[in-house]
Amino acid sequence: MGLIKTYRCKKCGNQKQVKLAVEGNNTEGKPYLHDTFFCKDCSNLSIIDVVNEKMRCKKCMSKNITKDWNLKDLRCDKCGGEFELIQKGET
């Protein structure tokens, strides 16, 4: 169980999904814990399995990532626009 939020760019409509502490078991029965991290170097959001994956940005491979970010930090990777929350739910 966990929280999923969907954001949409106000300029171009590009969407980002954010998973917050989504946990479970994969098809092989291995546990996972997906969480979303913000890269301080390239401003990308990466959904990382903190149990099974390296703690790096999936776009630039930087280790300079954090869970502590807010909506004003996030910029669209297509047009540079601001995002707005459009959907919030649980898994």
N, C-alpha and C. Protein backbone atom coordinates (compact mmCIF):
# COMPACT_ATOMS: atom_id res chain seq x y z
N MET A 1 0.83 -1.18 0.00
CA MET A 1 0.00 0.00 0.00
C MET A 1 0.88 1.25 0.00
N GLY A 2 0.38 2.29 -0.55
CA GLY A 2 1.09 3.55 -0.57
C GLY A 2 0.25 4.61 -1.24
N LEU A 3 0.85 5.75 -1.45
CA LEU A 3 0.17 6.91 -2.02
C LEU A 3 0.73 7.19 -3.41
N ILE A 4 -0.14 7.46 -4.37
CA ILE A 4 0.26 7.83 -5.73
C ILE A 4 -0.37 9.18 -6.05
N LYS A 5 0.46 10.11 -6.53
CA LYS A 5 -0.02 11.43 -6.96
C LYS A 5 0.33 11.61 -8.44
N THR A 6 -0.58 12.24 -9.18
CA THR A 6 -0.32 12.54 -10.58
C THR A 6 -0.33 14.06 -10.74
N TYR A 7 0.72 14.56 -11.39
CA TYR A 7 0.86 15.99 -11.65
C TYR A 7 0.81 16.23 -13.15
N ARG A 8 0.30 17.42 -13.56
CA ARG A 8 0.24 17.80 -14.97
C ARG A 8 0.87 19.17 -15.15
N CYS A 9 1.66 19.31 -16.22
CA CYS A 9 2.27 20.59 -16.55
C CYS A 9 1.18 21.56 -16.98
N LYS A 10 1.21 22.76 -16.43
CA LYS A 10 0.21 23.78 -16.76
C LYS A 10 0.35 24.29 -18.18
N LYS A 11 1.56 24.18 -18.78
CA LYS A 11 1.78 24.70 -20.13
C LYS A 11 1.51 23.67 -21.22
N CYS A 12 2.09 22.47 -21.10
CA CYS A 12 2.03 21.52 -22.20
C CYS A 12 1.21 20.26 -21.91
N GLY A 13 0.79 20.06 -20.66
CA GLY A 13 -0.02 18.90 -20.33
C GLY A 13 0.76 17.63 -20.00
N ASN A 14 2.08 17.68 -20.05
CA ASN A 14 2.92 16.53 -19.70
C ASN A 14 2.58 16.08 -18.28
N GLN A 15 2.50 14.76 -18.06
CA GLN A 15 2.13 14.25 -16.74
C GLN A 15 3.27 13.47 -16.09
N LYS A 16 3.34 13.57 -14.77
CA LYS A 16 4.31 12.83 -13.95
C LYS A 16 3.54 12.12 -12.86
N GLN A 17 3.92 10.88 -12.61
CA GLN A 17 3.32 10.13 -11.51
C GLN A 17 4.35 9.99 -10.40
N VAL A 18 3.92 10.22 -9.18
CA VAL A 18 4.78 10.15 -8.01
C VAL A 18 4.26 9.05 -7.10
N LYS A 19 5.15 8.13 -6.74
CA LYS A 19 4.78 7.06 -5.81
C LYS A 19 5.47 7.33 -4.48
N LEU A 20 4.70 7.31 -3.42
CA LEU A 20 5.23 7.56 -2.09
C LEU A 20 5.06 6.31 -1.24
N ALA A 21 6.16 5.65 -0.96
CA ALA A 21 6.18 4.46 -0.10
C ALA A 21 5.20 3.40 -0.55
N VAL A 22 5.29 2.99 -1.83
CA VAL A 22 4.46 1.92 -2.36
C VAL A 22 5.23 0.62 -2.19
N GLU A 23 4.67 -0.30 -1.41
CA GLU A 23 5.39 -1.54 -1.13
C GLU A 23 4.56 -2.75 -1.49
N GLY A 24 5.27 -3.86 -1.70
CA GLY A 24 4.60 -5.11 -2.04
C GLY A 24 5.62 -6.17 -2.39
N ASN A 25 5.20 -7.15 -3.16
CA ASN A 25 6.08 -8.21 -3.64
C ASN A 25 5.99 -8.29 -5.15
N ASN A 26 7.15 -8.50 -5.82
CA ASN A 26 7.15 -8.62 -7.27
C ASN A 26 6.70 -10.02 -7.67
N THR A 27 6.74 -10.32 -8.97
CA THR A 27 6.25 -11.62 -9.46
C THR A 27 7.08 -12.79 -8.94
N GLU A 28 8.31 -12.53 -8.52
CA GLU A 28 9.15 -13.60 -7.97
C GLU A 28 9.00 -13.72 -6.45
N GLY A 29 8.12 -12.93 -5.86
CA GLY A 29 7.91 -12.96 -4.43
C GLY A 29 8.89 -12.10 -3.63
N LYS A 30 9.77 -11.36 -4.33
CA LYS A 30 10.73 -10.48 -3.65
C LYS A 30 10.05 -9.20 -3.21
N PRO A 31 10.33 -8.74 -2.00
CA PRO A 31 9.72 -7.48 -1.55
C PRO A 31 10.32 -6.27 -2.28
N TYR A 32 9.51 -5.23 -2.42
CA TYR A 32 9.99 -3.97 -2.98
C TYR A 32 9.38 -2.82 -2.20
N LEU A 33 10.02 -1.67 -2.31
CA LEU A 33 9.50 -0.43 -1.72
C LEU A 33 9.83 0.69 -2.70
N HIS A 34 8.84 1.13 -3.47
CA HIS A 34 9.03 2.21 -4.44
C HIS A 34 8.80 3.54 -3.76
N ASP A 35 9.71 4.48 -4.00
CA ASP A 35 9.56 5.83 -3.50
C ASP A 35 10.07 6.78 -4.57
N THR A 36 9.63 8.02 -4.53
CA THR A 36 10.02 9.01 -5.53
C THR A 36 11.05 9.96 -4.95
N PHE A 37 12.10 10.18 -5.74
CA PHE A 37 13.20 11.05 -5.32
C PHE A 37 13.38 12.15 -6.36
N PHE A 38 13.76 13.33 -5.88
CA PHE A 38 14.02 14.50 -6.71
C PHE A 38 15.53 14.66 -6.88
N CYS A 39 15.99 14.80 -8.11
CA CYS A 39 17.42 15.01 -8.38
C CYS A 39 17.74 16.50 -8.30
N LYS A 40 18.67 16.85 -7.44
CA LYS A 40 19.07 18.25 -7.28
C LYS A 40 19.94 18.74 -8.44
N ASP A 41 20.46 17.80 -9.25
CA ASP A 41 21.31 18.19 -10.38
C ASP A 41 20.53 18.44 -11.66
N CYS A 42 19.54 17.58 -11.97
CA CYS A 42 18.82 17.74 -13.25
C CYS A 42 17.32 17.96 -13.07
N SER A 43 16.83 18.03 -11.83
CA SER A 43 15.42 18.28 -11.50
C SER A 43 14.47 17.17 -11.97
N ASN A 44 14.99 15.98 -12.17
CA ASN A 44 14.18 14.84 -12.58
C ASN A 44 13.59 14.15 -11.37
N LEU A 45 12.41 13.57 -11.54
CA LEU A 45 11.83 12.69 -10.53
C LEU A 45 12.11 11.26 -10.93
N SER A 46 12.65 10.48 -10.01
CA SER A 46 12.92 9.07 -10.26
C SER A 46 12.17 8.23 -9.25
N ILE A 47 11.44 7.23 -9.74
CA ILE A 47 10.79 6.27 -8.85
C ILE A 47 11.79 5.13 -8.68
N ILE A 48 12.25 4.95 -7.44
CA ILE A 48 13.32 4.00 -7.16
C ILE A 48 12.82 2.94 -6.19
N ASP A 49 13.15 1.70 -6.47
CA ASP A 49 12.91 0.60 -5.54
C ASP A 49 14.05 0.64 -4.53
N VAL A 50 13.79 1.18 -3.36
CA VAL A 50 14.86 1.41 -2.38
C VAL A 50 15.41 0.11 -1.79
N VAL A 51 14.73 -1.00 -2.00
CA VAL A 51 15.21 -2.29 -1.52
C VAL A 51 16.18 -2.91 -2.53
N ASN A 52 15.89 -2.79 -3.83
CA ASN A 52 16.62 -3.55 -4.85
C ASN A 52 17.43 -2.71 -5.84
N GLU A 53 17.31 -1.39 -5.83
CA GLU A 53 18.01 -0.56 -6.82
C GLU A 53 18.99 0.38 -6.15
N LYS A 54 19.98 0.84 -6.95
CA LYS A 54 20.93 1.84 -6.46
C LYS A 54 20.22 3.18 -6.32
N MET A 55 20.62 3.95 -5.32
CA MET A 55 20.02 5.24 -5.05
C MET A 55 20.65 6.30 -5.95
N ARG A 56 20.20 6.34 -7.20
CA ARG A 56 20.71 7.28 -8.20
C ARG A 56 19.55 7.80 -9.04
N CYS A 57 19.73 9.00 -9.59
CA CYS A 57 18.77 9.54 -10.54
C CYS A 57 18.77 8.65 -11.78
N LYS A 58 17.60 8.32 -12.28
CA LYS A 58 17.51 7.45 -13.45
C LYS A 58 17.80 8.20 -14.75
N LYS A 59 17.83 9.53 -14.70
CA LYS A 59 18.11 10.31 -15.90
C LYS A 59 19.60 10.63 -16.03
N CYS A 60 20.21 11.18 -14.97
CA CYS A 60 21.62 11.62 -15.07
C CYS A 60 22.57 10.77 -14.23
N MET A 61 22.04 9.79 -13.49
CA MET A 61 22.82 8.87 -12.65
C MET A 61 23.48 9.55 -11.45
N SER A 62 23.06 10.76 -11.11
CA SER A 62 23.60 11.47 -9.96
C SER A 62 23.16 10.81 -8.66
N LYS A 63 24.00 10.90 -7.64
CA LYS A 63 23.63 10.44 -6.30
C LYS A 63 23.05 11.58 -5.47
N ASN A 64 22.97 12.77 -6.04
CA ASN A 64 22.49 13.97 -5.36
C ASN A 64 20.96 14.04 -5.43
N ILE A 65 20.29 13.05 -4.78
CA ILE A 65 18.84 12.97 -4.81
C ILE A 65 18.28 13.09 -3.40
N THR A 66 17.02 13.49 -3.32
CA THR A 66 16.38 13.68 -2.02
C THR A 66 14.91 13.32 -2.08
N LYS A 67 14.35 12.91 -0.95
CA LYS A 67 12.91 12.72 -0.83
C LYS A 67 12.23 14.01 -0.41
N ASP A 68 13.02 14.96 0.07
CA ASP A 68 12.48 16.24 0.56
C ASP A 68 12.42 17.25 -0.57
N TRP A 69 11.29 17.31 -1.25
CA TRP A 69 11.08 18.27 -2.34
C TRP A 69 9.62 18.69 -2.28
N ASN A 70 9.31 19.78 -2.97
CA ASN A 70 7.91 20.19 -3.05
C ASN A 70 7.58 20.58 -4.48
N LEU A 71 6.34 20.85 -4.72
CA LEU A 71 5.86 21.08 -6.08
C LEU A 71 6.55 22.23 -6.79
N LYS A 72 6.95 23.27 -6.06
CA LYS A 72 7.61 24.40 -6.70
C LYS A 72 9.00 24.04 -7.23
N ASP A 73 9.62 22.96 -6.71
CA ASP A 73 10.92 22.49 -7.21
C ASP A 73 10.80 21.81 -8.57
N LEU A 74 9.64 21.25 -8.85
CA LEU A 74 9.43 20.42 -10.03
C LEU A 74 9.16 21.26 -11.26
N ARG A 75 9.91 20.99 -12.34
CA ARG A 75 9.71 21.66 -13.63
C ARG A 75 9.54 20.61 -14.71
N CYS A 76 8.73 20.91 -15.69
CA CYS A 76 8.48 20.00 -16.80
C CYS A 76 9.75 19.79 -17.60
N ASP A 77 10.08 18.53 -17.89
CA ASP A 77 11.27 18.24 -18.67
C ASP A 77 11.06 18.48 -20.16
N LYS A 78 9.83 18.74 -20.59
CA LYS A 78 9.56 19.03 -22.00
C LYS A 78 9.56 20.52 -22.30
N CYS A 79 8.96 21.33 -21.38
CA CYS A 79 8.83 22.76 -21.69
C CYS A 79 9.30 23.68 -20.57
N GLY A 80 9.63 23.13 -19.40
CA GLY A 80 10.08 23.95 -18.28
C GLY A 80 8.96 24.56 -17.47
N GLY A 81 7.71 24.19 -17.78
CA GLY A 81 6.55 24.75 -17.09
C GLY A 81 6.37 24.21 -15.68
N GLU A 82 5.43 24.81 -14.96
CA GLU A 82 5.11 24.40 -13.60
C GLU A 82 4.07 23.28 -13.63
N PHE A 83 4.07 22.47 -12.58
CA PHE A 83 3.11 21.37 -12.46
C PHE A 83 2.02 21.71 -11.46
N GLU A 84 0.86 21.04 -11.64
CA GLU A 84 -0.24 21.13 -10.70
C GLU A 84 -0.71 19.71 -10.38
N LEU A 85 -1.18 19.50 -9.17
CA LEU A 85 -1.70 18.20 -8.76
C LEU A 85 -3.06 17.98 -9.41
N ILE A 86 -3.23 16.83 -10.09
CA ILE A 86 -4.52 16.55 -10.72
C ILE A 86 -5.20 15.32 -10.15
N GLN A 87 -4.43 14.43 -9.49
CA GLN A 87 -5.04 13.23 -8.93
C GLN A 87 -4.21 12.70 -7.77
N LYS A 88 -4.90 12.19 -6.76
CA LYS A 88 -4.25 11.64 -5.58
C LYS A 88 -5.01 10.40 -5.17
N GLY A 89 -4.29 9.32 -4.92
CA GLY A 89 -4.97 8.09 -4.53
C GLY A 89 -4.05 7.12 -3.84
N GLU A 90 -4.60 6.01 -3.42
CA GLU A 90 -3.83 4.96 -2.76
C GLU A 90 -3.74 3.74 -3.66
N THR A 91 -2.67 2.95 -3.43
CA THR A 91 -2.53 1.72 -4.19
C THR A 91 -2.91 0.54 -3.33
